[in-house]
Amino acid sequence: YTSGTTGDPKGVLLMHMNWTSNHHARAK
């Protein structure tokens, strides 16, 4: 959840491939 300056926080749906692909890119 990201806290917006206005309104309710927004929940960002992050998938397994989002995390793993970003890890592999860092590792490379």
PDB file of all heavy atoms in Angstrom:
ATOM      1  N   TYR A   1       0.841  -1.208   0.000  1.00  0.00           N
ATOM      2  CA  TYR A   1       0.000   0.000   0.000  1.00  0.00           C
ATOM      3  C   TYR A   1       0.868   1.246   0.000  1.00  0.00           C
ATOM      4  O   TYR A   1       1.793   1.375   0.790  1.00  0.00           O
ATOM      5  CB  TYR A   1      -0.940  -0.004   1.207  1.00  0.00           C
ATOM      6  CG  TYR A   1      -2.160  -0.864   0.956  1.00  0.00           C
ATOM      7  CD1 TYR A   1      -2.098  -2.243   1.095  1.00  0.00           C
ATOM      8  CD2 TYR A   1      -3.356  -0.305   0.511  1.00  0.00           C
ATOM      9  CE1 TYR A   1      -3.202  -3.051   0.828  1.00  0.00           C
ATOM     10  CE2 TYR A   1      -4.469  -1.098   0.240  1.00  0.00           C
ATOM     11  CZ  TYR A   1      -4.379  -2.469   0.396  1.00  0.00           C
ATOM     12  OH  TYR A   1      -5.476  -3.252   0.111  1.00  0.00           O
ATOM     13  N   THR A   2       0.556   2.143  -0.943  1.00  0.00           N
ATOM     14  CA  THR A   2       1.280   3.411  -0.997  1.00  0.00           C
ATOM     15  C   THR A   2       0.379   4.476  -0.412  1.00  0.00           C
ATOM     16  O   THR A   2      -0.809   4.520  -0.700  1.00  0.00           O
ATOM     17  CB  THR A   2       1.643   3.798  -2.445  1.00  0.00           C
ATOM     18  OG1 THR A   2       0.439   3.932  -3.195  1.00  0.00           O
ATOM     19  CG2 THR A   2       2.504   2.750  -3.095  1.00  0.00           C
ATOM     20  N   SER A   3       0.948   5.344   0.405  1.00  0.00           N
ATOM     21  CA  SER A   3       0.129   6.391   1.018  1.00  0.00           C
ATOM     22  C   SER A   3       0.073   7.582   0.076  1.00  0.00           C
ATOM     23  O   SER A   3       1.094   8.207  -0.187  1.00  0.00           O
ATOM     24  CB  SER A   3       0.718   6.809   2.359  1.00  0.00           C
ATOM     25  OG  SER A   3       2.076   7.090   2.200  1.00  0.00           O
ATOM     26  N   GLY A   4      -1.092   7.828  -0.443  1.00  0.00           N
ATOM     27  CA  GLY A   4      -1.273   9.006  -1.304  1.00  0.00           C
ATOM     28  C   GLY A   4      -1.382  10.248  -0.441  1.00  0.00           C
ATOM     29  O   GLY A   4      -1.738  10.161   0.736  1.00  0.00           O
ATOM     30  N   THR A   5      -1.084  11.401  -1.020  1.00  0.00           N
ATOM     31  CA  THR A   5      -1.216  12.645  -0.247  1.00  0.00           C
ATOM     32  C   THR A   5      -2.690  12.949  -0.006  1.00  0.00           C
ATOM     33  O   THR A   5      -3.063  13.589   0.958  1.00  0.00           O
ATOM     34  CB  THR A   5      -0.552  13.822  -0.998  1.00  0.00           C
ATOM     35  OG1 THR A   5      -0.876  13.711  -2.383  1.00  0.00           O
ATOM     36  CG2 THR A   5       0.946  13.768  -0.839  1.00  0.00           C
ATOM     37  N   THR A   6      -3.522  12.491  -0.936  1.00  0.00           N
ATOM     38  CA  THR A   6      -4.976  12.682  -0.742  1.00  0.00           C
ATOM     39  C   THR A   6      -5.667  11.337  -0.953  1.00  0.00           C
ATOM     40  O   THR A   6      -5.186  10.483  -1.690  1.00  0.00           O
ATOM     41  CB  THR A   6      -5.550  13.679  -1.778  1.00  0.00           C
ATOM     42  OG1 THR A   6      -5.223  13.207  -3.095  1.00  0.00           O
ATOM     43  CG2 THR A   6      -4.974  15.063  -1.595  1.00  0.00           C
ATOM     44  N   GLY A   7      -6.785  11.152  -0.307  1.00  0.00           N
ATOM     45  CA  GLY A   7      -7.568   9.926  -0.491  1.00  0.00           C
ATOM     46  C   GLY A   7      -6.970   8.726   0.228  1.00  0.00           C
ATOM     47  O   GLY A   7      -5.976   8.825   0.941  1.00  0.00           O
ATOM     48  N   ASP A   8      -7.610   7.579   0.025  1.00  0.00           N
ATOM     49  CA  ASP A   8      -7.184   6.335   0.683  1.00  0.00           C
ATOM     50  C   ASP A   8      -5.886   5.811   0.078  1.00  0.00           C
ATOM     51  O   ASP A   8      -5.588   6.079  -1.078  1.00  0.00           O
ATOM     52  CB  ASP A   8      -8.276   5.264   0.496  1.00  0.00           C
ATOM     53  CG  ASP A   8      -9.561   5.646   1.233  1.00  0.00           C
ATOM     54  OD1 ASP A   8      -9.457   6.222   2.330  1.00  0.00           O
ATOM     55  OD2 ASP A   8     -10.657   5.392   0.698  1.00  0.00           O
ATOM     56  N   PRO A   9      -5.143   5.015   0.867  1.00  0.00           N
ATOM     57  CA  PRO A   9      -3.940   4.383   0.297  1.00  0.00           C
ATOM     58  C   PRO A   9      -4.335   3.464  -0.857  1.00  0.00           C
ATOM     59  O   PRO A   9      -5.434   2.910  -0.868  1.00  0.00           O
ATOM     60  CB  PRO A   9      -3.387   3.561   1.468  1.00  0.00           C
ATOM     61  CG  PRO A   9      -4.067   4.046   2.691  1.00  0.00           C
ATOM     62  CD  PRO A   9      -5.366   4.634   2.267  1.00  0.00           C
ATOM     63  N   LYS A  10      -3.406   3.331  -1.823  1.00  0.00           N
ATOM     64  CA  LYS A  10      -3.669   2.442  -2.966  1.00  0.00           C
ATOM     65  C   LYS A  10      -2.876   1.159  -2.780  1.00  0.00           C
ATOM     66  O   LYS A  10      -1.675   1.206  -2.509  1.00  0.00           O
ATOM     67  CB  LYS A  10      -3.250   3.120  -4.274  1.00  0.00           C
ATOM     68  CG  LYS A  10      -4.220   4.203  -4.738  1.00  0.00           C
ATOM     69  CD  LYS A  10      -4.038   4.535  -6.224  1.00  0.00           C
ATOM     70  CE  LYS A  10      -2.771   5.312  -6.474  1.00  0.00           C
ATOM     71  NZ  LYS A  10      -2.959   6.723  -6.758  1.00  0.00           N
ATOM     72  N   GLY A  11      -3.550   0.033  -2.950  1.00  0.00           N
ATOM     73  CA  GLY A  11      -2.878  -1.262  -2.848  1.00  0.00           C
ATOM     74  C   GLY A  11      -2.317  -1.662  -4.202  1.00  0.00           C
ATOM     75  O   GLY A  11      -3.062  -1.807  -5.167  1.00  0.00           O
ATOM     76  N   VAL A  12      -1.002  -1.837  -4.273  1.00  0.00           N
ATOM     77  CA  VAL A  12      -0.346  -2.196  -5.535  1.00  0.00           C
ATOM     78  C   VAL A  12      -0.168  -3.713  -5.572  1.00  0.00           C
ATOM     79  O   VAL A  12       0.512  -4.293  -4.726  1.00  0.00           O
ATOM     80  CB  VAL A  12       1.027  -1.481  -5.663  1.00  0.00           C
ATOM     81  CG1 VAL A  12       1.668  -1.791  -6.997  1.00  0.00           C
ATOM     82  CG2 VAL A  12       0.857   0.031  -5.489  1.00  0.00           C
ATOM     83  N   LEU A  13      -0.816  -4.347  -6.555  1.00  0.00           N
ATOM     84  CA  LEU A  13      -0.767  -5.805  -6.693  1.00  0.00           C
ATOM     85  C   LEU A  13       0.527  -6.207  -7.409  1.00  0.00           C
ATOM     86  O   LEU A  13       0.688  -5.955  -8.602  1.00  0.00           O
ATOM     87  CB  LEU A  13      -1.980  -6.302  -7.501  1.00  0.00           C
ATOM     88  CG  LEU A  13      -3.348  -6.130  -6.824  1.00  0.00           C
ATOM     89  CD1 LEU A  13      -4.457  -6.143  -7.863  1.00  0.00           C
ATOM     90  CD2 LEU A  13      -3.579  -7.223  -5.781  1.00  0.00           C
ATOM     91  N   LEU A  14       1.437  -6.816  -6.648  1.00  0.00           N
ATOM     92  CA  LEU A  14       2.737  -7.174  -7.204  1.00  0.00           C
ATOM     93  C   LEU A  14       2.871  -8.691  -7.291  1.00  0.00           C
ATOM     94  O   LEU A  14       2.738  -9.399  -6.295  1.00  0.00           O
ATOM     95  CB  LEU A  14       3.856  -6.568  -6.355  1.00  0.00           C
ATOM     96  CG  LEU A  14       3.822  -5.024  -6.338  1.00  0.00           C
ATOM     97  CD1 LEU A  14       4.810  -4.466  -5.335  1.00  0.00           C
ATOM     98  CD2 LEU A  14       4.091  -4.448  -7.724  1.00  0.00           C
ATOM     99  N   MET A  15       3.120  -9.166  -8.497  1.00  0.00           N
ATOM    100  CA  MET A  15       3.153 -10.595  -8.794  1.00  0.00           C
ATOM    101  C   MET A  15       4.534 -11.182  -8.523  1.00  0.00           C
ATOM    102  O   MET A  15       5.521 -10.462  -8.418  1.00  0.00           O
ATOM    103  CB  MET A  15       2.783 -10.807 -10.272  1.00  0.00           C
ATOM    104  CG  MET A  15       1.430 -10.242 -10.659  1.00  0.00           C
ATOM    105  SD  MET A  15       1.123 -10.329 -12.451  1.00  0.00           S
ATOM    106  CE  MET A  15       1.958  -8.847 -13.038  1.00  0.00           C
ATOM    107  N   HIS A  16       4.593 -12.499  -8.458  1.00  0.00           N
ATOM    108  CA  HIS A  16       5.874 -13.184  -8.245  1.00  0.00           C
ATOM    109  C   HIS A  16       6.888 -12.774  -9.306  1.00  0.00           C
ATOM    110  O   HIS A  16       8.040 -12.488  -8.995  1.00  0.00           O
ATOM    111  CB  HIS A  16       5.667 -14.705  -8.263  1.00  0.00           C
ATOM    112  CG  HIS A  16       5.124 -15.226  -6.976  1.00  0.00           C
ATOM    113  ND1 HIS A  16       5.924 -15.714  -5.973  1.00  0.00           N
ATOM    114  CD2 HIS A  16       3.848 -15.289  -6.509  1.00  0.00           C
ATOM    115  CE1 HIS A  16       5.165 -16.078  -4.945  1.00  0.00           C
ATOM    116  NE2 HIS A  16       3.909 -15.827  -5.247  1.00  0.00           N
ATOM    117  N   MET A  17       6.461 -12.719 -10.579  1.00  0.00           N
ATOM    118  CA  MET A  17       7.421 -12.391 -11.643  1.00  0.00           C
ATOM    119  C   MET A  17       7.911 -10.948 -11.555  1.00  0.00           C
ATOM    120  O   MET A  17       9.017 -10.641 -11.988  1.00  0.00           O
ATOM    121  CB  MET A  17       6.826 -12.655 -13.023  1.00  0.00           C
ATOM    122  CG  MET A  17       5.769 -11.682 -13.469  1.00  0.00           C
ATOM    123  SD  MET A  17       5.279 -12.079 -15.162  1.00  0.00           S
ATOM    124  CE  MET A  17       4.312 -10.606 -15.572  1.00  0.00           C
ATOM    125  N   ASN A  18       7.102 -10.070 -10.964  1.00  0.00           N
ATOM    126  CA  ASN A  18       7.565  -8.692 -10.767  1.00  0.00           C
ATOM    127  C   ASN A  18       8.817  -8.685  -9.893  1.00  0.00           C
ATOM    128  O   ASN A  18       9.823  -8.055 -10.220  1.00  0.00           O
ATOM    129  CB  ASN A  18       6.486  -7.839 -10.085  1.00  0.00           C
ATOM    130  CG  ASN A  18       5.216  -7.653 -10.886  1.00  0.00           C
ATOM    131  OD1 ASN A  18       4.146  -7.446 -10.324  1.00  0.00           O
ATOM    132  ND2 ASN A  18       5.303  -7.721 -12.196  1.00  0.00           N
ATOM    133  N   TRP A  19       8.735  -9.398  -8.775  1.00  0.00           N
ATOM    134  CA  TRP A  19       9.847  -9.432  -7.817  1.00  0.00           C
ATOM    135  C   TRP A  19      11.045 -10.190  -8.370  1.00  0.00           C
ATOM    136  O   TRP A  19      12.184  -9.738  -8.258  1.00  0.00           O
ATOM    137  CB  TRP A  19       9.404 -10.088  -6.502  1.00  0.00           C
ATOM    138  CG  TRP A  19       8.366  -9.330  -5.773  1.00  0.00           C
ATOM    139  CD1 TRP A  19       7.027  -9.628  -5.679  1.00  0.00           C
ATOM    140  CD2 TRP A  19       8.535  -8.117  -5.023  1.00  0.00           C
ATOM    141  NE1 TRP A  19       6.370  -8.698  -4.913  1.00  0.00           N
ATOM    142  CE2 TRP A  19       7.268  -7.758  -4.497  1.00  0.00           C
ATOM    143  CE3 TRP A  19       9.639  -7.305  -4.742  1.00  0.00           C
ATOM    144  CZ2 TRP A  19       7.070  -6.624  -3.712  1.00  0.00           C
ATOM    145  CZ3 TRP A  19       9.451  -6.166  -3.956  1.00  0.00           C
ATOM    146  CH2 TRP A  19       8.181  -5.839  -3.455  1.00  0.00           C
ATOM    147  N   THR A  20      10.794 -11.387  -8.950  1.00  0.00           N
ATOM    148  CA  THR A  20      11.926 -12.217  -9.395  1.00  0.00           C
ATOM    149  C   THR A  20      12.633 -11.590 -10.591  1.00  0.00           C
ATOM    150  O   THR A  20      13.857 -11.624 -10.664  1.00  0.00           O
ATOM    151  CB  THR A  20      11.476 -13.653  -9.726  1.00  0.00           C
ATOM    152  OG1 THR A  20      10.456 -13.614 -10.728  1.00  0.00           O
ATOM    153  CG2 THR A  20      10.959 -14.370  -8.489  1.00  0.00           C
ATOM    154  N   SER A  21      11.885 -11.008 -11.531  1.00  0.00           N
ATOM    155  CA  SER A  21      12.539 -10.406 -12.704  1.00  0.00           C
ATOM    156  C   SER A  21      13.403  -9.227 -12.277  1.00  0.00           C
ATOM    157  O   SER A  21      14.502  -9.026 -12.802  1.00  0.00           O
ATOM    158  CB  SER A  21      11.506  -9.952 -13.752  1.00  0.00           C
ATOM    159  OG  SER A  21      10.734  -8.868 -13.267  1.00  0.00           O
ATOM    160  N   ASN A  22      12.933  -8.459 -11.303  1.00  0.00           N
ATOM    161  CA  ASN A  22      13.733  -7.337 -10.821  1.00  0.00           C
ATOM    162  C   ASN A  22      14.977  -7.827 -10.091  1.00  0.00           C
ATOM    163  O   ASN A  22      16.050  -7.234 -10.210  1.00  0.00           O
ATOM    164  CB  ASN A  22      12.882  -6.422  -9.924  1.00  0.00           C
ATOM    165  CG  ASN A  22      13.135  -4.948 -10.185  1.00  0.00           C
ATOM    166  OD1 ASN A  22      13.637  -4.239  -9.326  1.00  0.00           O
ATOM    167  ND2 ASN A  22      12.816  -4.476 -11.375  1.00  0.00           N
ATOM    168  N   HIS A  23      14.826  -8.941  -9.363  1.00  0.00           N
ATOM    169  CA  HIS A  23      16.015  -9.527  -8.716  1.00  0.00           C
ATOM    170  C   HIS A  23      17.031  -9.973  -9.767  1.00  0.00           C
ATOM    171  O   HIS A  23      18.222  -9.686  -9.650  1.00  0.00           O
ATOM    172  CB  HIS A  23      15.659 -10.718  -7.832  1.00  0.00           C
ATOM    173  CG  HIS A  23      16.821 -11.652  -7.681  1.00  0.00           C
ATOM    174  ND1 HIS A  23      17.981 -11.281  -7.019  1.00  0.00           N
ATOM    175  CD2 HIS A  23      17.072 -12.883  -8.204  1.00  0.00           C
ATOM    176  CE1 HIS A  23      18.873 -12.252  -7.124  1.00  0.00           C
ATOM    177  NE2 HIS A  23      18.348 -13.229  -7.840  1.00  0.00           N
ATOM    178  N   HIS A  24      16.577 -10.718 -10.780  1.00  0.00           N
ATOM    179  CA  HIS A  24      17.510 -11.229 -11.801  1.00  0.00           C
ATOM    180  C   HIS A  24      18.235 -10.071 -12.499  1.00  0.00           C
ATOM    181  O   HIS A  24      19.427 -10.182 -12.811  1.00  0.00           O
ATOM    182  CB  HIS A  24      16.771 -12.086 -12.822  1.00  0.00           C
ATOM    183  CG  HIS A  24      16.253 -13.376 -12.259  1.00  0.00           C
ATOM    184  ND1 HIS A  24      17.058 -14.274 -11.596  1.00  0.00           N
ATOM    185  CD2 HIS A  24      15.005 -13.923 -12.243  1.00  0.00           C
ATOM    186  CE1 HIS A  24      16.332 -15.314 -11.193  1.00  0.00           C
ATOM    187  NE2 HIS A  24      15.093 -15.118 -11.580  1.00  0.00           N
ATOM    188  N   ALA A  25      17.518  -8.965 -12.723  1.00  0.00           N
ATOM    189  CA  ALA A  25      18.134  -7.799 -13.372  1.00  0.00           C
ATOM    190  C   ALA A  25      19.209  -7.188 -12.472  1.00  0.00           C
ATOM    191  O   ALA A  25      20.282  -6.798 -12.945  1.00  0.00           O
ATOM    192  CB  ALA A  25      17.063  -6.764 -13.706  1.00  0.00           C
ATOM    193  N   ARG A  26      18.950  -7.124 -11.169  1.00  0.00           N
ATOM    194  CA  ARG A  26      19.963  -6.609 -10.231  1.00  0.00           C
ATOM    195  C   ARG A  26      21.173  -7.536 -10.199  1.00  0.00           C
ATOM    196  O   ARG A  26      22.313  -7.088 -10.203  1.00  0.00           O
ATOM    197  CB  ARG A  26      19.373  -6.494  -8.810  1.00  0.00           C
ATOM    198  CG  ARG A  26      18.506  -5.291  -8.579  1.00  0.00           C
ATOM    199  CD  ARG A  26      18.180  -5.120  -7.103  1.00  0.00           C
ATOM    200  NE  ARG A  26      17.314  -6.155  -6.586  1.00  0.00           N
ATOM    201  CZ  ARG A  26      15.987  -6.130  -6.600  1.00  0.00           C
ATOM    202  NH1 ARG A  26      15.354  -5.099  -7.129  1.00  0.00           N
ATOM    203  NH2 ARG A  26      15.280  -7.113  -6.094  1.00  0.00           N
ATOM    204  N   ALA A  27      20.902  -8.843 -10.156  1.00  0.00           N
ATOM    205  CA  ALA A  27      21.992  -9.818 -10.067  1.00  0.00           C
ATOM    206  C   ALA A  27      22.875  -9.767 -11.320  1.00  0.00           C
ATOM    207  O   ALA A  27      24.092  -9.953 -11.228  1.00  0.00           O
ATOM    208  CB  ALA A  27      21.422 -11.219  -9.873  1.00  0.00           C
ATOM    209  N   LYS A  28      22.271  -9.498 -12.479  1.00  0.00           N
ATOM    210  CA  LYS A  28      23.063  -9.399 -13.721  1.00  0.00           C
ATOM    211  C   LYS A  28      23.942  -8.149 -13.688  1.00  0.00           C
ATOM    212  O   LYS A  28      25.103  -8.186 -14.087  1.00  0.00           O
ATOM    213  CB  LYS A  28      22.126  -9.341 -14.936  1.00  0.00           C
ATOM    214  CG  LYS A  28      21.707 -10.725 -15.384  1.00  0.00           C
ATOM    215  CD  LYS A  28      20.789 -10.707 -16.578  1.00  0.00           C
ATOM    216  CE  LYS A  28      20.267 -12.121 -16.816  1.00  0.00           C
ATOM    217  NZ  LYS A  28      19.146 -12.212 -17.699  1.00  0.00           N
TER     218      LYS A  28
END
